[in-house]
N, C-alpha and C. Protein backbone atom coordinates (compact mmCIF):
# COMPACT_ATOMS: atom_id res chain seq x y z
N MET A 1 80.47 105.58 94.13
CA MET A 1 81.82 105.40 94.63
C MET A 1 82.37 104.06 94.18
N ASP A 2 83.21 104.12 93.18
CA ASP A 2 83.77 102.88 92.68
C ASP A 2 85.28 102.82 92.83
N ARG A 3 85.90 103.90 93.27
CA ARG A 3 87.34 103.90 93.49
C ARG A 3 87.65 103.36 94.88
N PRO A 4 88.82 102.75 95.06
CA PRO A 4 89.17 102.27 96.40
C PRO A 4 89.39 103.44 97.37
N ILE A 5 89.27 103.15 98.64
CA ILE A 5 89.58 104.13 99.68
C ILE A 5 91.09 104.34 99.67
N LEU A 6 91.53 105.59 99.73
CA LEU A 6 92.95 105.89 99.85
C LEU A 6 93.30 105.86 101.33
N PHE A 7 94.13 104.89 101.73
CA PHE A 7 94.53 104.71 103.12
C PHE A 7 95.97 105.19 103.26
N ILE A 8 96.15 106.34 103.91
CA ILE A 8 97.47 106.91 104.14
C ILE A 8 97.91 106.46 105.52
N ASN A 9 98.89 105.57 105.54
CA ASN A 9 99.33 104.91 106.76
C ASN A 9 100.64 105.54 107.24
N ALA A 10 100.54 106.35 108.31
CA ALA A 10 101.73 106.98 108.90
C ALA A 10 102.21 106.21 110.13
N CYS A 11 101.74 105.00 110.32
CA CYS A 11 102.11 104.17 111.47
C CYS A 11 103.40 103.41 111.13
N VAL A 12 104.31 103.34 112.09
CA VAL A 12 105.57 102.64 111.83
C VAL A 12 105.75 101.39 112.70
N ARG A 13 105.05 101.31 113.78
CA ARG A 13 105.18 100.15 114.67
C ARG A 13 104.36 98.98 114.14
N GLY A 14 104.93 97.79 114.25
CA GLY A 14 104.24 96.59 113.79
C GLY A 14 102.92 96.35 114.50
N GLU A 15 102.85 96.67 115.78
CA GLU A 15 101.64 96.47 116.57
C GLU A 15 100.97 97.82 116.87
N SER A 16 100.92 98.68 115.90
CA SER A 16 100.39 100.03 116.08
C SER A 16 98.90 100.00 116.47
N ARG A 17 98.58 100.66 117.58
CA ARG A 17 97.18 100.77 118.00
C ARG A 17 96.40 101.64 117.02
N THR A 18 97.05 102.66 116.49
CA THR A 18 96.39 103.53 115.51
C THR A 18 96.03 102.74 114.26
N LYS A 19 96.96 101.92 113.80
CA LYS A 19 96.69 101.13 112.59
C LYS A 19 95.54 100.16 112.84
N ARG A 20 95.51 99.54 114.01
CA ARG A 20 94.42 98.61 114.32
C ARG A 20 93.07 99.33 114.32
N LEU A 21 93.04 100.54 114.88
CA LEU A 21 91.80 101.32 114.89
C LEU A 21 91.40 101.70 113.47
N ALA A 22 92.36 102.09 112.65
CA ALA A 22 92.08 102.43 111.25
C ALA A 22 91.58 101.21 110.49
N GLU A 23 92.16 100.05 110.76
CA GLU A 23 91.72 98.83 110.07
C GLU A 23 90.28 98.49 110.42
N LYS A 24 89.87 98.76 111.67
CA LYS A 24 88.46 98.55 112.06
C LYS A 24 87.55 99.47 111.26
N LEU A 25 87.97 100.71 111.09
CA LEU A 25 87.19 101.66 110.30
C LEU A 25 87.10 101.19 108.84
N LEU A 26 88.24 100.80 108.27
CA LEU A 26 88.26 100.34 106.88
C LEU A 26 87.35 99.13 106.70
N GLU A 27 87.37 98.24 107.68
CA GLU A 27 86.50 97.06 107.61
C GLU A 27 85.03 97.50 107.61
N LYS A 28 84.72 98.47 108.44
CA LYS A 28 83.33 98.96 108.51
C LYS A 28 82.92 99.67 107.22
N LEU A 29 83.84 100.38 106.58
CA LEU A 29 83.54 101.07 105.32
C LEU A 29 83.33 100.07 104.18
N ASN A 30 83.94 98.89 104.31
CA ASN A 30 83.68 97.75 103.42
C ASN A 30 83.84 98.09 101.92
N ARG A 31 85.02 98.62 101.60
CA ARG A 31 85.35 98.91 100.21
C ARG A 31 86.80 98.53 99.96
N PRO A 32 87.19 98.35 98.72
CA PRO A 32 88.61 98.09 98.43
C PRO A 32 89.47 99.24 98.94
N VAL A 33 90.71 98.92 99.28
CA VAL A 33 91.62 99.89 99.88
C VAL A 33 92.91 99.96 99.07
N GLU A 34 93.38 101.17 98.83
CA GLU A 34 94.69 101.42 98.23
C GLU A 34 95.54 102.06 99.31
N GLU A 35 96.55 101.33 99.81
CA GLU A 35 97.35 101.80 100.94
C GLU A 35 98.62 102.49 100.47
N VAL A 36 98.90 103.63 101.11
CA VAL A 36 100.17 104.33 100.93
C VAL A 36 100.88 104.28 102.28
N ARG A 37 101.93 103.47 102.36
CA ARG A 37 102.71 103.34 103.61
C ARG A 37 103.81 104.38 103.58
N LEU A 38 103.68 105.40 104.40
CA LEU A 38 104.61 106.52 104.36
C LEU A 38 106.04 106.11 104.73
N GLU A 39 106.19 105.10 105.57
CA GLU A 39 107.55 104.67 105.93
C GLU A 39 108.29 104.04 104.75
N ASP A 40 107.58 103.65 103.72
CA ASP A 40 108.20 103.06 102.53
C ASP A 40 108.58 104.09 101.47
N ILE A 41 108.30 105.35 101.71
CA ILE A 41 108.55 106.40 100.73
C ILE A 41 109.78 107.20 101.14
N SER A 42 110.70 107.40 100.21
CA SER A 42 111.84 108.29 100.42
C SER A 42 111.45 109.65 99.84
N PHE A 43 110.94 110.50 100.69
CA PHE A 43 110.48 111.81 100.24
C PHE A 43 111.67 112.68 99.85
N PRO A 44 111.54 113.43 98.76
CA PRO A 44 112.61 114.37 98.42
C PRO A 44 112.64 115.50 99.44
N VAL A 45 113.80 116.07 99.64
CA VAL A 45 113.93 117.20 100.54
C VAL A 45 113.29 118.41 99.86
N ALA A 46 112.41 119.08 100.58
CA ALA A 46 111.72 120.25 100.01
C ALA A 46 112.63 121.47 100.18
N ASN A 47 113.75 121.46 99.44
CA ASN A 47 114.67 122.58 99.49
C ASN A 47 114.46 123.48 98.28
N GLU A 48 115.29 124.50 98.11
CA GLU A 48 115.10 125.47 97.02
C GLU A 48 115.19 124.82 95.65
N ASP A 49 116.12 123.88 95.47
CA ASP A 49 116.24 123.20 94.17
C ASP A 49 114.99 122.40 93.84
N PHE A 50 114.51 121.64 94.80
CA PHE A 50 113.31 120.84 94.57
C PHE A 50 112.11 121.73 94.26
N LEU A 51 111.92 122.76 95.07
CA LEU A 51 110.77 123.64 94.86
C LEU A 51 110.86 124.36 93.52
N GLY A 52 112.07 124.76 93.11
CA GLY A 52 112.26 125.38 91.81
C GLY A 52 111.89 124.44 90.68
N MET A 53 112.35 123.19 90.78
CA MET A 53 112.02 122.18 89.78
C MET A 53 110.52 121.94 89.71
N ARG A 54 109.90 121.81 90.88
CA ARG A 54 108.46 121.56 90.93
C ARG A 54 107.68 122.76 90.39
N ASP A 55 108.09 123.96 90.75
CA ASP A 55 107.41 125.16 90.25
C ASP A 55 107.52 125.25 88.73
N SER A 56 108.67 124.86 88.18
CA SER A 56 108.84 124.86 86.72
C SER A 56 107.88 123.88 86.06
N LEU A 57 107.76 122.70 86.65
CA LEU A 57 106.84 121.70 86.10
C LEU A 57 105.39 122.20 86.16
N VAL A 58 105.03 122.85 87.26
CA VAL A 58 103.68 123.40 87.39
C VAL A 58 103.46 124.48 86.33
N SER A 59 104.43 125.36 86.16
CA SER A 59 104.32 126.44 85.16
C SER A 59 104.14 125.89 83.75
N GLU A 60 104.82 124.78 83.47
CA GLU A 60 104.73 124.15 82.15
C GLU A 60 103.47 123.31 82.00
N GLY A 61 102.77 123.07 83.11
CA GLY A 61 101.59 122.21 83.07
C GLY A 61 101.96 120.74 82.92
N SER A 62 103.15 120.37 83.36
CA SER A 62 103.64 118.98 83.25
C SER A 62 103.19 118.16 84.45
N PHE A 63 101.89 118.07 84.64
CA PHE A 63 101.35 117.39 85.81
C PHE A 63 101.44 115.87 85.72
N ASP A 64 101.83 115.34 84.57
CA ASP A 64 102.00 113.90 84.44
C ASP A 64 103.39 113.45 84.89
N ASN A 65 104.24 114.37 85.31
CA ASN A 65 105.58 114.04 85.81
C ASN A 65 105.44 113.18 87.08
N PRO A 66 106.29 112.17 87.23
CA PRO A 66 106.21 111.30 88.42
C PRO A 66 106.32 112.04 89.76
N VAL A 67 106.90 113.21 89.78
CA VAL A 67 107.01 113.96 91.03
C VAL A 67 105.62 114.30 91.59
N PHE A 68 104.60 114.26 90.73
CA PHE A 68 103.24 114.58 91.15
C PHE A 68 102.36 113.34 91.35
N ASP A 69 102.94 112.15 91.35
CA ASP A 69 102.14 110.92 91.49
C ASP A 69 101.28 110.93 92.76
N LEU A 70 101.87 111.28 93.90
CA LEU A 70 101.10 111.28 95.15
C LEU A 70 99.99 112.33 95.12
N ALA A 71 100.27 113.50 94.56
CA ALA A 71 99.26 114.55 94.48
C ALA A 71 98.09 114.12 93.60
N ARG A 72 98.40 113.50 92.47
CA ARG A 72 97.31 113.04 91.58
C ARG A 72 96.48 111.96 92.25
N GLN A 73 97.15 111.02 92.92
CA GLN A 73 96.44 109.95 93.63
C GLN A 73 95.51 110.54 94.69
N PHE A 74 96.00 111.49 95.47
CA PHE A 74 95.22 112.13 96.52
C PHE A 74 94.03 112.88 95.93
N SER A 75 94.27 113.62 94.87
CA SER A 75 93.24 114.43 94.23
C SER A 75 92.11 113.58 93.65
N GLU A 76 92.44 112.39 93.17
CA GLU A 76 91.44 111.52 92.53
C GLU A 76 90.67 110.65 93.52
N ALA A 77 91.15 110.53 94.74
CA ALA A 77 90.50 109.66 95.74
C ALA A 77 89.11 110.18 96.09
N GLU A 78 88.18 109.27 96.33
CA GLU A 78 86.82 109.64 96.72
C GLU A 78 86.65 109.67 98.24
N THR A 79 87.34 108.78 98.93
CA THR A 79 87.33 108.73 100.39
C THR A 79 88.77 108.50 100.84
N ILE A 80 89.18 109.22 101.89
CA ILE A 80 90.56 109.14 102.37
C ILE A 80 90.53 108.81 103.86
N VAL A 81 91.36 107.83 104.26
CA VAL A 81 91.55 107.50 105.66
C VAL A 81 93.03 107.72 105.97
N ILE A 82 93.30 108.55 106.97
CA ILE A 82 94.67 108.82 107.40
C ILE A 82 94.84 108.22 108.79
N ALA A 83 95.82 107.34 108.95
CA ALA A 83 96.15 106.76 110.25
C ALA A 83 97.47 107.35 110.71
N ALA A 84 97.43 108.12 111.80
CA ALA A 84 98.62 108.81 112.29
C ALA A 84 98.64 108.80 113.81
N PRO A 85 99.59 108.09 114.41
CA PRO A 85 99.66 108.11 115.88
C PRO A 85 99.99 109.50 116.40
N TYR A 86 99.60 109.77 117.62
CA TYR A 86 99.85 111.05 118.27
C TYR A 86 101.27 111.05 118.83
N TRP A 87 102.14 111.81 118.22
CA TRP A 87 103.53 111.91 118.66
C TRP A 87 103.88 113.38 118.86
N ASP A 88 104.47 113.69 119.98
CA ASP A 88 105.02 115.03 120.23
C ASP A 88 104.04 116.14 119.88
N LEU A 89 102.83 116.03 120.39
CA LEU A 89 101.75 117.01 120.21
C LEU A 89 101.27 117.14 118.77
N SER A 90 101.55 116.14 117.95
CA SER A 90 101.11 116.20 116.55
C SER A 90 101.09 114.79 115.96
N PHE A 91 101.66 114.64 114.78
CA PHE A 91 101.70 113.38 114.07
C PHE A 91 103.12 113.14 113.56
N PRO A 92 103.44 111.95 113.09
CA PRO A 92 104.78 111.67 112.59
C PRO A 92 105.19 112.61 111.45
N ALA A 93 106.47 112.95 111.40
CA ALA A 93 106.99 113.89 110.40
C ALA A 93 106.72 113.43 108.97
N ALA A 94 106.66 112.12 108.74
CA ALA A 94 106.42 111.62 107.39
C ALA A 94 105.08 112.10 106.84
N LEU A 95 104.09 112.32 107.71
CA LEU A 95 102.79 112.81 107.23
C LEU A 95 102.93 114.26 106.74
N LYS A 96 103.71 115.07 107.43
CA LYS A 96 103.96 116.44 106.97
C LYS A 96 104.69 116.40 105.62
N GLN A 97 105.67 115.52 105.48
CA GLN A 97 106.37 115.38 104.20
C GLN A 97 105.40 114.96 103.10
N TYR A 98 104.49 114.07 103.42
CA TYR A 98 103.49 113.64 102.46
C TYR A 98 102.65 114.84 101.99
N PHE A 99 102.18 115.65 102.92
CA PHE A 99 101.37 116.81 102.54
C PHE A 99 102.18 117.80 101.70
N GLU A 100 103.48 117.91 101.96
CA GLU A 100 104.32 118.78 101.13
C GLU A 100 104.35 118.30 99.68
N GLN A 101 104.23 117.00 99.47
CA GLN A 101 104.19 116.44 98.11
C GLN A 101 102.81 116.54 97.48
N VAL A 102 101.78 116.51 98.30
CA VAL A 102 100.40 116.51 97.83
C VAL A 102 99.89 117.92 97.54
N ASN A 103 100.39 118.90 98.26
CA ASN A 103 99.92 120.28 98.14
C ASN A 103 100.49 120.89 96.86
N VAL A 104 99.81 120.72 95.73
CA VAL A 104 100.31 121.17 94.44
C VAL A 104 99.24 122.00 93.73
N VAL A 105 99.60 123.25 93.44
CA VAL A 105 98.71 124.13 92.68
C VAL A 105 98.46 123.49 91.32
N GLY A 106 97.19 123.38 90.95
CA GLY A 106 96.82 122.81 89.67
C GLY A 106 96.42 121.34 89.76
N ILE A 107 96.70 120.70 90.91
CA ILE A 107 96.31 119.30 91.09
C ILE A 107 95.34 119.17 92.26
N THR A 108 95.75 119.60 93.45
CA THR A 108 94.88 119.47 94.62
C THR A 108 94.14 120.76 94.94
N PHE A 109 94.63 121.88 94.41
CA PHE A 109 93.94 123.17 94.60
C PHE A 109 94.42 124.15 93.54
N ARG A 110 93.71 125.26 93.45
CA ARG A 110 94.11 126.37 92.59
C ARG A 110 93.85 127.65 93.36
N TYR A 111 94.39 128.76 92.87
CA TYR A 111 94.14 130.05 93.50
C TYR A 111 93.20 130.88 92.63
N THR A 112 92.31 131.62 93.27
CA THR A 112 91.49 132.59 92.55
C THR A 112 92.38 133.80 92.23
N GLU A 113 91.86 134.72 91.46
CA GLU A 113 92.61 135.94 91.16
C GLU A 113 92.91 136.73 92.43
N GLU A 114 92.08 136.57 93.44
CA GLU A 114 92.29 137.26 94.72
C GLU A 114 93.27 136.52 95.63
N GLY A 115 93.76 135.37 95.19
CA GLY A 115 94.72 134.60 95.97
C GLY A 115 94.10 133.64 96.97
N ILE A 116 92.82 133.35 96.81
CA ILE A 116 92.12 132.44 97.72
C ILE A 116 92.19 131.03 97.16
N PRO A 117 92.62 130.04 97.97
CA PRO A 117 92.68 128.67 97.46
C PRO A 117 91.29 128.07 97.24
N VAL A 118 91.16 127.31 96.16
CA VAL A 118 89.93 126.60 95.82
C VAL A 118 90.30 125.14 95.60
N GLY A 119 89.64 124.24 96.31
CA GLY A 119 89.96 122.83 96.23
C GLY A 119 89.62 122.19 94.90
N LEU A 120 90.48 121.25 94.49
CA LEU A 120 90.27 120.49 93.26
C LEU A 120 90.14 118.99 93.52
N CYS A 121 90.15 118.59 94.78
CA CYS A 121 90.09 117.16 95.11
C CYS A 121 88.67 116.63 94.98
N LYS A 122 88.57 115.35 94.61
CA LYS A 122 87.27 114.71 94.42
C LYS A 122 86.70 114.10 95.70
N ALA A 123 87.52 113.93 96.71
CA ALA A 123 87.07 113.26 97.94
C ALA A 123 85.92 114.02 98.58
N ASP A 124 84.97 113.26 99.09
CA ASP A 124 83.88 113.86 99.84
C ASP A 124 84.11 113.78 101.34
N ARG A 125 85.13 113.01 101.75
CA ARG A 125 85.33 112.78 103.19
C ARG A 125 86.76 112.34 103.47
N ILE A 126 87.28 112.85 104.61
CA ILE A 126 88.55 112.37 105.16
C ILE A 126 88.29 111.91 106.58
N PHE A 127 88.77 110.73 106.90
CA PHE A 127 88.76 110.24 108.28
C PHE A 127 90.20 110.33 108.78
N TYR A 128 90.41 111.01 109.90
CA TYR A 128 91.73 111.11 110.52
C TYR A 128 91.69 110.25 111.78
N VAL A 129 92.47 109.17 111.79
CA VAL A 129 92.44 108.19 112.87
C VAL A 129 93.74 108.31 113.67
N SER A 130 93.62 108.42 115.00
CA SER A 130 94.80 108.56 115.84
C SER A 130 94.57 107.92 117.20
N THR A 131 95.67 107.58 117.85
CA THR A 131 95.63 107.09 119.22
C THR A 131 96.77 107.75 120.00
N ALA A 132 96.59 107.80 121.32
CA ALA A 132 97.62 108.30 122.21
C ALA A 132 97.70 107.38 123.41
N GLY A 133 98.91 107.19 123.91
CA GLY A 133 99.11 106.25 125.01
C GLY A 133 98.71 106.77 126.37
N GLY A 134 98.69 108.07 126.57
CA GLY A 134 98.43 108.63 127.88
C GLY A 134 97.10 109.34 127.98
N ILE A 135 96.89 109.96 129.16
CA ILE A 135 95.63 110.67 129.37
C ILE A 135 95.79 112.17 129.21
N TYR A 136 97.01 112.70 129.24
CA TYR A 136 97.20 114.13 128.99
C TYR A 136 97.40 114.32 127.49
N VAL A 137 96.31 114.52 126.82
CA VAL A 137 96.37 114.65 125.37
C VAL A 137 95.37 115.72 124.95
N PRO A 138 95.84 116.81 124.37
CA PRO A 138 94.88 117.75 123.79
C PRO A 138 94.07 117.02 122.72
N THR A 139 92.80 117.29 122.64
CA THR A 139 91.95 116.52 121.73
C THR A 139 92.19 116.84 120.27
N GLU A 140 93.09 117.74 119.98
CA GLU A 140 93.34 118.10 118.60
C GLU A 140 94.13 117.01 117.86
N PHE A 141 95.10 116.38 118.48
CA PHE A 141 95.86 115.25 117.91
C PHE A 141 96.51 115.56 116.56
N GLY A 142 96.78 116.84 116.23
CA GLY A 142 97.28 117.17 114.91
C GLY A 142 96.16 117.27 113.88
N PHE A 143 94.95 117.02 114.34
CA PHE A 143 93.77 117.03 113.47
C PHE A 143 93.50 118.41 112.87
N GLY A 144 93.75 119.46 113.62
CA GLY A 144 93.48 120.81 113.14
C GLY A 144 94.24 121.14 111.87
N TYR A 145 95.47 120.70 111.78
CA TYR A 145 96.28 120.94 110.59
C TYR A 145 95.68 120.22 109.38
N VAL A 146 95.34 118.96 109.57
CA VAL A 146 94.76 118.17 108.48
C VAL A 146 93.42 118.75 108.06
N LYS A 147 92.61 119.14 109.02
CA LYS A 147 91.29 119.71 108.73
C LYS A 147 91.43 121.04 107.98
N ALA A 148 92.39 121.88 108.39
CA ALA A 148 92.61 123.16 107.71
C ALA A 148 93.03 122.96 106.26
N LEU A 149 93.92 122.01 106.01
CA LEU A 149 94.32 121.72 104.63
C LEU A 149 93.14 121.19 103.83
N ALA A 150 92.43 120.23 104.40
CA ALA A 150 91.32 119.58 103.68
C ALA A 150 90.24 120.58 103.32
N GLN A 151 89.83 121.39 104.28
CA GLN A 151 88.73 122.32 104.03
C GLN A 151 89.20 123.60 103.34
N GLY A 152 90.37 124.10 103.72
CA GLY A 152 90.84 125.37 103.20
C GLY A 152 91.52 125.30 101.85
N TYR A 153 92.14 124.16 101.54
CA TYR A 153 92.87 124.03 100.28
C TYR A 153 92.27 122.99 99.34
N TYR A 154 91.93 121.83 99.87
CA TYR A 154 91.55 120.72 99.00
C TYR A 154 90.07 120.69 98.66
N GLY A 155 89.25 121.45 99.37
CA GLY A 155 87.81 121.47 99.09
C GLY A 155 87.06 120.27 99.64
N ILE A 156 87.62 119.65 100.66
CA ILE A 156 86.98 118.48 101.28
C ILE A 156 86.35 118.95 102.59
N GLY A 157 85.03 119.07 102.60
CA GLY A 157 84.34 119.66 103.74
C GLY A 157 84.11 118.73 104.91
N ASP A 158 83.97 117.45 104.65
CA ASP A 158 83.65 116.48 105.71
C ASP A 158 84.94 115.83 106.20
N VAL A 159 85.46 116.34 107.32
CA VAL A 159 86.71 115.85 107.89
C VAL A 159 86.40 115.35 109.29
N ARG A 160 86.64 114.07 109.53
CA ARG A 160 86.24 113.45 110.79
C ARG A 160 87.45 112.92 111.56
N LEU A 161 87.43 113.13 112.87
CA LEU A 161 88.48 112.65 113.76
C LEU A 161 87.96 111.44 114.53
N ILE A 162 88.71 110.36 114.48
CA ILE A 162 88.41 109.17 115.27
C ILE A 162 89.67 108.87 116.07
N TYR A 163 89.58 108.90 117.40
CA TYR A 163 90.77 108.65 118.19
C TYR A 163 90.45 107.92 119.48
N ARG A 164 91.52 107.41 120.06
CA ARG A 164 91.43 106.74 121.35
C ARG A 164 92.62 107.20 122.16
N ASP A 165 92.36 107.69 123.37
CA ASP A 165 93.47 108.08 124.23
C ASP A 165 93.63 107.08 125.36
N ASN A 166 94.72 107.23 126.08
CA ASN A 166 95.05 106.33 127.19
C ASN A 166 95.16 104.88 126.73
N SER A 167 95.46 104.69 125.45
CA SER A 167 95.47 103.33 124.90
C SER A 167 96.71 102.54 125.25
N GLY A 168 97.71 103.17 125.81
CA GLY A 168 98.91 102.44 126.17
C GLY A 168 98.96 102.05 127.63
N ARG A 169 97.90 102.27 128.37
CA ARG A 169 97.92 102.08 129.82
C ARG A 169 97.24 100.79 130.27
N GLY A 170 96.78 99.98 129.36
CA GLY A 170 96.15 98.73 129.75
C GLY A 170 94.65 98.85 129.87
N ARG A 171 94.00 97.75 129.67
CA ARG A 171 92.54 97.72 129.65
C ARG A 171 91.92 98.18 130.98
N ARG A 172 92.46 97.72 132.08
CA ARG A 172 91.91 98.06 133.39
C ARG A 172 91.99 99.58 133.62
N ASN A 173 93.12 100.18 133.31
CA ASN A 173 93.31 101.61 133.48
C ASN A 173 92.38 102.41 132.57
N ASN A 174 92.14 101.92 131.36
CA ASN A 174 91.23 102.62 130.45
C ASN A 174 89.84 102.74 131.07
N ARG A 175 89.37 101.68 131.70
CA ARG A 175 88.04 101.71 132.31
C ARG A 175 88.02 102.70 133.48
N ARG A 176 89.05 102.67 134.28
CA ARG A 176 89.09 103.51 135.46
C ARG A 176 89.07 104.99 135.10
N HIS A 177 89.78 105.38 134.06
CA HIS A 177 89.85 106.79 133.67
C HIS A 177 88.76 107.18 132.69
N GLY A 178 87.91 106.27 132.32
CA GLY A 178 86.82 106.59 131.41
C GLY A 178 87.27 106.85 129.98
N SER A 179 88.47 106.43 129.67
CA SER A 179 88.99 106.66 128.32
C SER A 179 88.28 105.75 127.34
N GLY A 180 88.22 106.18 126.12
CA GLY A 180 87.60 105.33 125.13
C GLY A 180 87.64 105.94 123.75
N LEU A 181 86.92 105.35 122.89
CA LEU A 181 86.88 105.77 121.50
C LEU A 181 86.06 107.05 121.38
N ILE A 182 86.62 108.01 120.68
CA ILE A 182 85.95 109.30 120.48
C ILE A 182 85.79 109.52 118.99
N PHE A 183 84.63 110.00 118.60
CA PHE A 183 84.35 110.35 117.21
C PHE A 183 84.04 111.84 117.19
N HIS A 184 84.72 112.58 116.36
CA HIS A 184 84.52 114.03 116.31
C HIS A 184 84.32 114.48 114.88
N ARG A 185 83.26 115.21 114.66
CA ARG A 185 82.98 115.76 113.33
C ARG A 185 82.46 117.17 113.54
N GLY A 186 83.15 118.12 112.99
CA GLY A 186 82.73 119.50 113.17
C GLY A 186 82.74 119.87 114.63
N ARG A 187 81.61 120.32 115.16
CA ARG A 187 81.53 120.74 116.55
C ARG A 187 80.94 119.65 117.45
N ARG A 188 80.47 118.57 116.88
CA ARG A 188 79.83 117.52 117.66
C ARG A 188 80.85 116.51 118.14
N ARG A 189 80.78 116.11 119.39
CA ARG A 189 81.69 115.12 119.92
C ARG A 189 80.91 114.19 120.83
N THR A 190 81.05 112.88 120.61
CA THR A 190 80.37 111.92 121.47
C THR A 190 81.36 110.89 121.97
N GLU A 191 81.08 110.36 123.13
CA GLU A 191 81.92 109.28 123.68
C GLU A 191 81.12 108.00 123.69
C-alpha cells in the first residue's frame, strides 16, 4: 500500500464531531491522506443532458475526460475513509451527489452479459465514519447504502462502520446513557 488514503469528507461544520472521529481514525491508520472536501465541489446536475453526455463518453471509451476525475480517483484508491454526519436518517446530500459521479460503468464497475455488476475498484477497505447528536438513531446511519454500493458494485468487500451516537448531549449525558464509540463490521458489533 503506497497510495494515500482517499478521505471523502462530507462534513460541513467547522467543529464537526464526525470529522474529529475520522481524523482519529486517519491518525491511527498512519498513512498519507488525499482529502476530497465535498462542500468545495460544484456537482453537475444529474439531469437528462448530463447523463446523455456521460453515456456518450462511456460509449466512446473517453474515460480520461475530466467529468470522470472523481470516479478514476475513487477506483484507484487502496483504502477509503468516508466521514458523513448522520442527518435526516441518512447522510448529507453531497455524498449522494458524489456517488452519482463515482458510479461509472467502465471505471468503478462493469456489467456481465447477464447484467450483474462486477467491481473494478482497487480498494480493499472502506471505513464509513459517522456521528449523531441524539440517542434515537437507527444504527444504520446511511451505512447500508454505502455498503451496498461498495460490495455490490465496486467490489470492495471489507466495509466498516465507525460511529458515535448521543455525541451532541454532553459528556455527562453520554456516560449516563451508555453511549459511546461503536465499531461495526459485517455482523459483528462491539461497544
